[in-house]
Amino acid sequence: MNIAIDTDRLAKVGTLAHGAHSEASGEMCVMEAVAWVTHKEWSDHPPCVCPVLGAFMRTWNDGIADDEERTTILKPPIPKLKSALKSA
């Protein structure tokens, strides 16, 4: 089963922020953005992402001090971070 990306939601992803956030805050880090565009529960550990890639992306997200630079670098790979899961 493939994990679908909601392209309408992807288009609405704005500036990516440092750290973890509540859904109500209106902010999101790169991994929360992946959860949101794949309609998964709000989390910076979405189940549709490889744990190793998720850990790397959270570290990279929080290691970039400038919001504009973070967004420029990390927004393009959001659709590629979801796994293509196969049913058993």
C-alpha atoms as a PDB file:
ATOM      1  CA  MET A   1       0.000   0.000   0.000  1.00  0.00           C
ATOM      2  CA  ASN A   2       1.395   3.397  -0.952  1.00  0.00           C
ATOM      3  CA  ILE A   3       1.149   6.366   1.381  1.00  0.00           C
ATOM      4  CA  ALA A   4      -0.543   9.198  -0.499  1.00  0.00           C
ATOM      5  CA  ILE A   5       0.575  12.815  -0.321  1.00  0.00           C
ATOM      6  CA  ASP A   6      -2.232  15.356  -0.108  1.00  0.00           C
ATOM      7  CA  THR A   7      -0.982  17.893  -2.655  1.00  0.00           C
ATOM      8  CA  ASP A   8      -3.417  20.549  -1.410  1.00  0.00           C
ATOM      9  CA  ARG A   9      -1.955  20.273   2.077  1.00  0.00           C
ATOM     10  CA  LEU A  10       1.585  20.186   0.689  1.00  0.00           C
ATOM     11  CA  ALA A  11       0.943  23.471  -1.100  1.00  0.00           C
ATOM     12  CA  LYS A  12      -0.170  24.993   2.221  1.00  0.00           C
ATOM     13  CA  VAL A  13       3.012  24.059   4.115  1.00  0.00           C
ATOM     14  CA  GLY A  14       4.549  27.393   5.007  1.00  0.00           C
ATOM     15  CA  THR A  15       7.647  28.228   6.986  1.00  0.00           C
ATOM     16  CA  LEU A  16       9.101  25.246   8.806  1.00  0.00           C
ATOM     17  CA  ALA A  17       9.903  25.903  12.458  1.00  0.00           C
ATOM     18  CA  HIS A  18      12.482  24.661  14.970  1.00  0.00           C
ATOM     19  CA  GLY A  19      11.363  22.017  17.474  1.00  0.00           C
ATOM     20  CA  ALA A  20       8.120  20.139  18.040  1.00  0.00           C
ATOM     21  CA  HIS A  21       4.717  21.851  18.029  1.00  0.00           C
ATOM     22  CA  SER A  22       1.084  21.231  18.809  1.00  0.00           C
ATOM     23  CA  GLU A  23      -1.220  21.068  15.809  1.00  0.00           C
ATOM     24  CA  ALA A  24      -3.129  24.055  17.204  1.00  0.00           C
ATOM     25  CA  SER A  25       0.007  26.237  17.245  1.00  0.00           C
ATOM     26  CA  GLY A  26      -0.039  26.738  13.477  1.00  0.00           C
ATOM     27  CA  GLU A  27       3.682  25.875  13.302  1.00  0.00           C
ATOM     28  CA  MET A  28       5.305  22.676  12.101  1.00  0.00           C
ATOM     29  CA  CYS A  29       8.721  21.125  11.714  1.00  0.00           C
ATOM     30  CA  VAL A  30       9.605  19.042   8.669  1.00  0.00           C
ATOM     31  CA  MET A  31       8.439  15.764  10.229  1.00  0.00           C
ATOM     32  CA  GLU A  32       5.148  17.249  11.453  1.00  0.00           C
ATOM     33  CA  ALA A  33       4.674  18.467   7.887  1.00  0.00           C
ATOM     34  CA  VAL A  34       5.125  14.899   6.602  1.00  0.00           C
ATOM     35  CA  ALA A  35       2.525  13.646   9.099  1.00  0.00           C
ATOM     36  CA  TRP A  36       0.122  16.410   8.058  1.00  0.00           C
ATOM     37  CA  VAL A  37       0.423  15.923   4.284  1.00  0.00           C
ATOM     38  CA  THR A  38      -0.053  12.151   4.669  1.00  0.00           C
ATOM     39  CA  HIS A  39      -3.075  12.528   7.013  1.00  0.00           C
ATOM     40  CA  LYS A  40      -1.284  10.738   9.844  1.00  0.00           C
ATOM     41  CA  GLU A  41      -1.695  11.652  13.521  1.00  0.00           C
ATOM     42  CA  TRP A  42       0.111  14.948  14.305  1.00  0.00           C
ATOM     43  CA  SER A  43       3.615  13.950  15.350  1.00  0.00           C
ATOM     44  CA  ASP A  44       7.262  14.612  14.657  1.00  0.00           C
ATOM     45  CA  HIS A  45       7.601  10.799  14.508  1.00  0.00           C
ATOM     46  CA  PRO A  46       5.097   9.883  11.753  1.00  0.00           C
ATOM     47  CA  PRO A  47       4.775   6.114  11.308  1.00  0.00           C
ATOM     48  CA  CYS A  48       5.103   6.423   7.527  1.00  0.00           C
ATOM     49  CA  VAL A  49       8.762   7.536   7.728  1.00  0.00           C
ATOM     50  CA  CYS A  50      11.803   5.326   8.235  1.00  0.00           C
ATOM     51  CA  PRO A  51      12.958   5.904  11.846  1.00  0.00           C
ATOM     52  CA  VAL A  52      16.540   6.541  10.736  1.00  0.00           C
ATOM     53  CA  LEU A  53      15.473   9.149   8.166  1.00  0.00           C
ATOM     54  CA  GLY A  54      13.097  10.683  10.707  1.00  0.00           C
ATOM     55  CA  ALA A  55      15.878  11.051  13.296  1.00  0.00           C
ATOM     56  CA  PHE A  56      18.169  12.599  10.687  1.00  0.00           C
ATOM     57  CA  MET A  57      15.499  15.042   9.499  1.00  0.00           C
ATOM     58  CA  ARG A  58      14.570  16.133  13.054  1.00  0.00           C
ATOM     59  CA  THR A  59      18.239  16.803  13.809  1.00  0.00           C
ATOM     60  CA  TRP A  60      18.735  18.679  10.537  1.00  0.00           C
ATOM     61  CA  ASN A  61      15.509  20.664  11.051  1.00  0.00           C
ATOM     62  CA  ASP A  62      16.598  21.792  14.513  1.00  0.00           C
ATOM     63  CA  GLY A  63      20.193  22.409  13.459  1.00  0.00           C
ATOM     64  CA  ILE A  64      19.268  25.120  10.948  1.00  0.00           C
ATOM     65  CA  ALA A  65      18.888  28.416  12.816  1.00  0.00           C
ATOM     66  CA  ASP A  66      17.266  30.437  10.033  1.00  0.00           C
ATOM     67  CA  ASP A  67      13.587  29.698   9.282  1.00  0.00           C
ATOM     68  CA  GLU A  68      13.832  30.743   5.628  1.00  0.00           C
ATOM     69  CA  GLU A  69      16.919  28.595   5.032  1.00  0.00           C
ATOM     70  CA  ARG A  70      15.310  25.631   6.862  1.00  0.00           C
ATOM     71  CA  THR A  71      12.208  25.896   4.699  1.00  0.00           C
ATOM     72  CA  THR A  72      14.189  26.276   1.466  1.00  0.00           C
ATOM     73  CA  ILE A  73      16.255  23.176   2.217  1.00  0.00           C
ATOM     74  CA  LEU A  74      13.754  20.880   3.927  1.00  0.00           C
ATOM     75  CA  LYS A  75      10.407  21.560   2.264  1.00  0.00           C
ATOM     76  CA  PRO A  76      11.260  19.992  -1.147  1.00  0.00           C
ATOM     77  CA  PRO A  77      11.976  16.495   0.244  1.00  0.00           C
ATOM     78  CA  ILE A  78       8.724  16.298   2.271  1.00  0.00           C
ATOM     79  CA  PRO A  79       6.880  14.178  -0.363  1.00  0.00           C
ATOM     80  CA  LYS A  80       9.852  11.816  -0.664  1.00  0.00           C
ATOM     81  CA  LEU A  81      10.119  11.055   3.069  1.00  0.00           C
ATOM     82  CA  LYS A  82       7.040   8.872   3.276  1.00  0.00           C
ATOM     83  CA  SER A  83       7.618   5.179   2.838  1.00  0.00           C
ATOM     84  CA  ALA A  84       6.037   3.023   0.200  1.00  0.00           C
ATOM     85  CA  LEU A  85       4.620   0.345   2.457  1.00  0.00           C
ATOM     86  CA  LYS A  86       3.659  -3.028   1.032  1.00  0.00           C
ATOM     87  CA  SER A  87       0.899  -5.047   2.623  1.00  0.00           C
ATOM     88  CA  ALA A  88       1.923  -8.485   3.804  1.00  0.00           C
END
